[in-house]
N, C-alpha and C. Protein backbone atom coordinates (compact mmCIF):
# COMPACT_ATOMS: atom_id res chain seq x y z
N MET A 1 -17.94 -5.41 -13.14
CA MET A 1 -16.76 -4.22 -12.66
C MET A 1 -15.36 -5.51 -12.67
N SER A 2 -14.43 -5.06 -13.22
CA SER A 2 -13.20 -5.97 -12.93
C SER A 2 -12.43 -5.91 -11.61
N LEU A 3 -11.99 -7.08 -11.56
CA LEU A 3 -10.91 -6.81 -10.03
C LEU A 3 -9.88 -6.06 -10.04
N PRO A 4 -9.58 -5.44 -9.05
CA PRO A 4 -8.33 -4.37 -9.22
C PRO A 4 -7.02 -5.26 -9.37
N ARG A 5 -6.25 -4.83 -10.43
CA ARG A 5 -5.09 -5.00 -11.07
C ARG A 5 -3.94 -4.84 -10.31
N PHE A 6 -2.72 -5.67 -10.19
CA PHE A 6 -1.56 -5.01 -9.99
C PHE A 6 -0.09 -5.48 -10.48
N LYS A 7 0.72 -4.96 -10.43
CA LYS A 7 2.06 -5.70 -10.94
C LYS A 7 2.96 -5.81 -9.89
N LEU A 8 3.48 -6.84 -9.87
CA LEU A 8 4.22 -7.24 -8.39
C LEU A 8 5.52 -7.66 -9.12
N VAL A 9 6.43 -7.19 -8.59
CA VAL A 9 7.89 -6.89 -9.18
C VAL A 9 8.61 -7.06 -7.86
N PHE A 10 9.70 -8.65 -8.33
CA PHE A 10 10.47 -8.73 -7.14
C PHE A 10 11.60 -9.32 -7.63
N PHE A 11 12.64 -9.58 -6.48
CA PHE A 11 14.20 -9.69 -7.16
C PHE A 11 14.34 -11.04 -6.23
N SER A 12 14.78 -11.97 -7.09
CA SER A 12 15.46 -13.45 -6.56
C SER A 12 16.50 -14.16 -6.74
N PRO A 13 17.18 -14.51 -6.04
CA PRO A 13 18.29 -15.45 -6.88
C PRO A 13 18.19 -16.12 -7.83
N ALA A 14 18.50 -16.11 -8.96
CA ALA A 14 18.22 -16.88 -10.26
C ALA A 14 17.77 -18.33 -10.23
N SER A 15 18.45 -18.89 -9.20
CA SER A 15 18.58 -20.48 -8.97
C SER A 15 17.28 -20.56 -8.26
N LYS A 16 16.29 -19.57 -7.77
CA LYS A 16 15.17 -20.08 -6.81
C LYS A 16 14.42 -19.39 -7.48
N THR A 17 13.88 -18.97 -8.75
CA THR A 17 12.78 -18.01 -9.10
C THR A 17 11.84 -18.56 -9.55
N SER A 18 12.46 -19.99 -10.64
CA SER A 18 11.56 -20.78 -10.77
C SER A 18 10.54 -21.41 -10.02
N ALA A 19 10.90 -21.94 -8.94
CA ALA A 19 10.51 -22.15 -7.82
C ALA A 19 9.44 -21.37 -7.02
N ILE A 20 9.59 -20.31 -6.78
CA ILE A 20 8.99 -19.02 -6.23
C ILE A 20 7.61 -18.85 -7.52
N LEU A 21 8.19 -18.66 -8.43
CA LEU A 21 7.07 -18.38 -9.34
C LEU A 21 6.24 -19.43 -9.15
N GLU A 22 6.11 -20.74 -9.45
CA GLU A 22 5.50 -22.00 -9.50
C GLU A 22 4.60 -21.85 -8.29
N HIS A 23 5.06 -21.90 -6.92
CA HIS A 23 4.63 -21.75 -5.61
C HIS A 23 3.76 -20.84 -5.71
N LEU A 24 3.58 -19.72 -6.19
CA LEU A 24 2.79 -18.43 -6.57
C LEU A 24 1.54 -18.83 -7.61
N PHE A 25 2.21 -19.19 -8.25
CA PHE A 25 0.77 -19.82 -9.75
C PHE A 25 0.25 -20.94 -9.23
N THR A 26 0.93 -21.85 -8.66
CA THR A 26 0.16 -22.90 -7.80
C THR A 26 -0.85 -22.47 -6.41
N LYS A 27 -0.34 -21.94 -5.82
CA LYS A 27 -1.40 -21.50 -4.50
C LYS A 27 -2.65 -20.34 -5.20
N PHE A 28 -2.15 -19.36 -6.10
CA PHE A 28 -2.99 -18.48 -6.34
C PHE A 28 -3.56 -18.49 -7.88
N PRO A 29 -4.14 -19.52 -8.50
CA PRO A 29 -4.22 -19.74 -10.00
C PRO A 29 -4.95 -18.85 -10.66
N ALA A 30 -5.88 -18.07 -10.09
CA ALA A 30 -6.82 -17.09 -10.36
C ALA A 30 -6.47 -15.76 -10.52
N HIS A 31 -5.28 -15.69 -9.58
CA HIS A 31 -5.07 -14.37 -8.82
C HIS A 31 -3.28 -14.21 -9.55
N VAL A 32 -2.51 -14.95 -9.86
CA VAL A 32 -1.34 -14.40 -10.02
C VAL A 32 -0.72 -15.05 -11.57
N GLY A 33 -0.23 -13.89 -12.69
CA GLY A 33 0.07 -14.33 -13.78
C GLY A 33 -0.90 -14.74 -14.73
N LYS A 34 -2.16 -14.25 -14.78
CA LYS A 34 -3.67 -14.62 -15.40
C LYS A 34 -3.47 -13.98 -16.38
N ILE A 35 -3.67 -13.77 -17.43
CA ILE A 35 -3.94 -12.64 -18.83
C ILE A 35 -4.61 -13.08 -19.56
N GLY A 36 -6.10 -12.86 -19.54
CA GLY A 36 -7.01 -13.79 -20.29
C GLY A 36 -6.96 -14.98 -20.35
N ASN A 37 -7.23 -15.73 -21.74
CA ASN A 37 -6.75 -17.05 -21.37
C ASN A 37 -5.45 -17.53 -21.54
N TYR A 38 -4.53 -16.59 -20.86
CA TYR A 38 -3.13 -17.27 -20.55
C TYR A 38 -3.27 -17.45 -19.40
N GLU A 39 -2.20 -18.27 -18.87
CA GLU A 39 -1.79 -18.35 -17.35
C GLU A 39 -0.30 -18.74 -17.16
N HIS A 40 0.48 -18.17 -15.78
CA HIS A 40 1.75 -18.59 -15.87
C HIS A 40 2.78 -17.47 -16.32
N CYS A 41 1.90 -16.29 -16.62
CA CYS A 41 2.86 -15.32 -17.40
C CYS A 41 3.44 -14.69 -16.47
N ALA A 42 4.82 -14.03 -16.85
CA ALA A 42 5.80 -13.42 -15.84
C ALA A 42 6.91 -12.92 -17.00
N PHE A 43 7.55 -11.60 -16.56
CA PHE A 43 8.37 -11.43 -17.37
C PHE A 43 9.88 -11.37 -16.26
N LEU A 44 10.94 -11.89 -16.85
CA LEU A 44 12.03 -12.43 -16.07
C LEU A 44 13.04 -11.46 -17.04
N SER A 45 13.91 -10.69 -16.44
CA SER A 45 15.33 -10.29 -16.66
C SER A 45 16.39 -10.32 -15.71
N ARG A 46 17.57 -10.91 -16.44
CA ARG A 46 18.59 -11.13 -15.56
C ARG A 46 19.44 -10.03 -15.08
N GLY A 47 19.98 -10.06 -13.87
CA GLY A 47 20.99 -9.31 -13.58
C GLY A 47 21.90 -9.32 -12.39
N THR A 48 22.54 -8.46 -11.92
CA THR A 48 23.48 -8.69 -10.75
C THR A 48 22.74 -7.73 -9.41
N GLY A 49 22.81 -8.73 -8.40
CA GLY A 49 22.11 -7.36 -6.99
C GLY A 49 23.00 -7.49 -6.20
N GLN A 50 23.37 -6.57 -5.15
CA GLN A 50 24.55 -6.49 -4.42
C GLN A 50 23.82 -6.42 -3.04
N PHE A 51 24.52 -6.55 -1.99
CA PHE A 51 24.22 -6.29 -0.64
C PHE A 51 25.07 -6.48 0.38
N ARG A 52 25.45 -5.97 1.46
CA ARG A 52 25.97 -6.06 2.51
C ARG A 52 25.39 -6.24 3.68
N PRO A 53 25.08 -7.73 4.26
CA PRO A 53 24.86 -7.67 5.58
C PRO A 53 25.17 -7.10 6.75
N THR A 54 24.65 -6.69 7.67
CA THR A 54 25.02 -5.62 8.88
C THR A 54 24.53 -6.73 10.20
N ALA A 55 25.03 -6.08 11.19
CA ALA A 55 25.18 -7.05 12.59
C ALA A 55 23.74 -7.24 12.97
N GLY A 56 23.20 -7.99 12.89
CA GLY A 56 21.62 -8.59 13.28
C GLY A 56 21.38 -9.37 12.01
N ALA A 57 22.13 -9.23 10.95
CA ALA A 57 20.94 -9.97 9.52
C ALA A 57 21.37 -11.45 10.19
N ARG A 58 20.70 -12.01 9.29
CA ARG A 58 21.17 -13.73 9.12
C ARG A 58 20.48 -13.77 7.66
N PRO A 59 21.95 -13.83 6.82
CA PRO A 59 21.60 -13.51 5.28
C PRO A 59 21.68 -15.41 5.04
N ALA A 60 21.08 -15.25 3.86
CA ALA A 60 20.70 -16.67 3.23
C ALA A 60 22.02 -17.15 2.10
N ILE A 61 22.69 -15.86 1.80
CA ILE A 61 23.93 -15.96 0.90
C ILE A 61 24.87 -14.84 1.57
N GLY A 62 26.19 -15.09 1.85
CA GLY A 62 27.03 -14.50 2.21
C GLY A 62 27.01 -14.29 3.60
N SER A 63 27.63 -13.41 4.26
CA SER A 63 27.94 -13.10 5.38
C SER A 63 28.14 -11.69 6.05
N VAL A 64 27.41 -11.73 7.12
CA VAL A 64 27.68 -10.03 7.93
C VAL A 64 29.03 -9.76 7.53
N GLY A 65 28.93 -8.20 7.21
CA GLY A 65 30.10 -7.45 6.95
C GLY A 65 30.78 -7.73 5.58
N ALA A 66 30.12 -8.40 4.73
CA ALA A 66 30.95 -8.81 3.61
C ALA A 66 30.03 -8.07 2.42
N LEU A 67 30.42 -7.67 1.50
CA LEU A 67 29.53 -7.13 -0.13
C LEU A 67 29.37 -8.41 -0.57
N GLU A 68 28.41 -8.57 -0.92
CA GLU A 68 28.07 -9.91 -1.89
C GLU A 68 27.45 -9.48 -2.96
N ALA A 69 27.90 -10.11 -4.30
CA ALA A 69 26.93 -9.85 -5.40
C ALA A 69 26.52 -11.00 -5.94
N VAL A 70 25.13 -11.14 -6.34
CA VAL A 70 24.18 -12.32 -7.01
C VAL A 70 23.47 -12.10 -8.00
N VAL A 71 23.87 -13.05 -8.64
CA VAL A 71 23.10 -13.18 -9.97
C VAL A 71 21.38 -13.42 -9.62
N GLU A 72 20.80 -12.34 -10.11
CA GLU A 72 19.28 -12.33 -9.48
C GLU A 72 18.29 -12.10 -10.92
N ASP A 73 17.25 -12.61 -10.72
CA ASP A 73 16.30 -12.36 -11.96
C ASP A 73 15.19 -11.12 -11.10
N ARG A 74 15.10 -9.94 -12.22
CA ARG A 74 13.89 -9.03 -11.76
C ARG A 74 12.66 -10.05 -12.17
N VAL A 75 11.84 -10.11 -11.80
CA VAL A 75 10.37 -10.82 -12.16
C VAL A 75 9.57 -9.81 -12.06
N GLU A 76 8.75 -9.89 -13.12
CA GLU A 76 7.37 -9.23 -13.16
C GLU A 76 6.09 -10.00 -13.55
N VAL A 77 4.99 -9.65 -12.54
CA VAL A 77 3.91 -10.56 -12.78
C VAL A 77 2.56 -9.57 -12.22
N LEU A 78 1.56 -10.08 -13.23
CA LEU A 78 0.24 -9.41 -12.76
C LEU A 78 -0.45 -10.21 -11.73
N VAL A 79 -1.06 -9.31 -10.97
CA VAL A 79 -1.79 -10.05 -9.65
C VAL A 79 -3.02 -9.38 -9.46
N LEU A 80 -4.39 -10.40 -9.57
CA LEU A 80 -5.47 -9.99 -9.51
C LEU A 80 -6.16 -9.64 -8.12
N ASP A 81 -6.54 -8.65 -7.73
CA ASP A 81 -7.35 -8.31 -6.36
C ASP A 81 -6.20 -8.90 -5.06
N ARG A 82 -5.77 -9.90 -4.98
CA ARG A 82 -5.51 -10.55 -3.32
C ARG A 82 -3.84 -10.01 -3.46
N VAL A 83 -3.32 -8.74 -3.81
CA VAL A 83 -2.17 -8.47 -3.73
C VAL A 83 -1.38 -8.83 -2.42
N ARG A 84 -2.07 -8.45 -1.48
CA ARG A 84 -1.77 -8.40 0.14
C ARG A 84 -1.23 -10.01 0.21
N ASP A 85 -2.00 -10.75 -0.09
CA ASP A 85 -1.95 -12.50 0.52
C ASP A 85 -0.81 -12.87 -0.34
N VAL A 86 -0.73 -12.26 -1.74
CA VAL A 86 0.33 -12.78 -2.54
C VAL A 86 1.84 -12.34 -2.09
N VAL A 87 2.02 -11.34 -1.57
CA VAL A 87 3.14 -10.42 -1.27
C VAL A 87 3.71 -11.36 0.04
N GLN A 88 2.35 -11.46 1.07
CA GLN A 88 3.13 -12.36 2.36
C GLN A 88 3.25 -13.51 1.94
N GLU A 89 2.94 -14.49 1.01
CA GLU A 89 3.44 -15.66 0.56
C GLU A 89 4.79 -15.57 -0.33
N LEU A 90 4.93 -14.91 -0.96
CA LEU A 90 6.43 -14.56 -1.49
C LEU A 90 6.97 -14.04 -0.51
N GLN A 91 7.05 -13.54 0.57
CA GLN A 91 7.74 -13.51 1.97
C GLN A 91 8.20 -14.74 2.75
N ALA A 92 7.02 -15.58 2.61
CA ALA A 92 7.12 -16.90 3.19
C ALA A 92 8.05 -17.68 2.71
N VAL A 93 8.14 -17.66 1.26
CA VAL A 93 8.70 -18.45 0.39
C VAL A 93 10.33 -18.38 -0.23
N HIS A 94 10.27 -17.03 -0.04
CA HIS A 94 11.83 -16.41 -0.60
C HIS A 94 13.18 -16.37 0.13
N PRO A 95 13.79 -16.69 -0.33
CA PRO A 95 14.83 -17.39 0.46
C PRO A 95 15.75 -15.97 1.16
N TYR A 96 15.34 -15.25 0.89
CA TYR A 96 15.80 -14.00 1.42
C TYR A 96 15.30 -13.26 2.69
N GLU A 97 15.93 -13.10 3.89
CA GLU A 97 15.19 -12.47 4.81
C GLU A 97 14.84 -11.25 4.68
N GLU A 98 15.21 -10.16 3.92
CA GLU A 98 14.56 -8.94 3.34
C GLU A 98 14.40 -9.05 2.09
N VAL A 99 12.74 -9.33 1.44
CA VAL A 99 12.66 -9.55 0.15
C VAL A 99 12.32 -8.14 -0.69
N ALA A 100 13.29 -7.91 -1.60
CA ALA A 100 12.98 -6.70 -2.72
C ALA A 100 11.85 -6.42 -3.32
N TYR A 101 10.89 -5.98 -3.28
CA TYR A 101 9.77 -5.78 -4.03
C TYR A 101 9.06 -4.66 -4.02
N ASP A 102 8.20 -4.37 -5.32
CA ASP A 102 7.45 -3.25 -5.60
C ASP A 102 5.87 -3.69 -6.15
N VAL A 103 5.02 -3.03 -5.81
CA VAL A 103 3.63 -2.97 -6.33
C VAL A 103 3.39 -2.02 -6.51
N TYR A 104 2.65 -2.17 -7.81
CA TYR A 104 2.06 -1.26 -8.65
C TYR A 104 0.61 -1.18 -8.92
N LYS A 105 0.05 -0.33 -8.77
CA LYS A 105 -1.51 -0.36 -9.04
C LYS A 105 -1.83 -0.04 -10.60
N LEU A 106 -2.15 -0.82 -11.21
CA LEU A 106 -2.85 -0.59 -12.78
C LEU A 106 -4.53 -0.34 -13.00
N GLU A 107 -4.12 0.92 -13.74
CA GLU A 107 -5.47 1.31 -14.17
C GLU A 107 -5.53 0.73 -15.63
N ASP A 108 -7.58 0.96 -15.87
CA ASP A 108 -7.71 0.39 -16.98
C ASP A 108 -7.97 1.54 -18.16
N PHE A 109 -7.73 1.62 -19.37
CA PHE A 109 -7.56 2.58 -20.15
C PHE A 109 -8.52 2.01 -21.57
């Protein structure tokens, strides 16, 4: 029986993406970005993210009340089994106070 597979999609400032990915690959070498005989697998696409921090926010970029636009990467990576641990670690190392991410359960066909 194979391990449950998930796709983790998250957004990060382009300047931080490599460090975040390297951290996850190193901490979870058998669980993140491993596809068959390949490792450190990920898909990145670049775009612009925007947000306006509200009262009580502690933004890593920008300031409360000001609309901010940031060059960000959309990162897609395969996670085997330990998706909750990986998401917790992502939240710990990501520079944003609120990390934008999605998790999709993958099926075998």
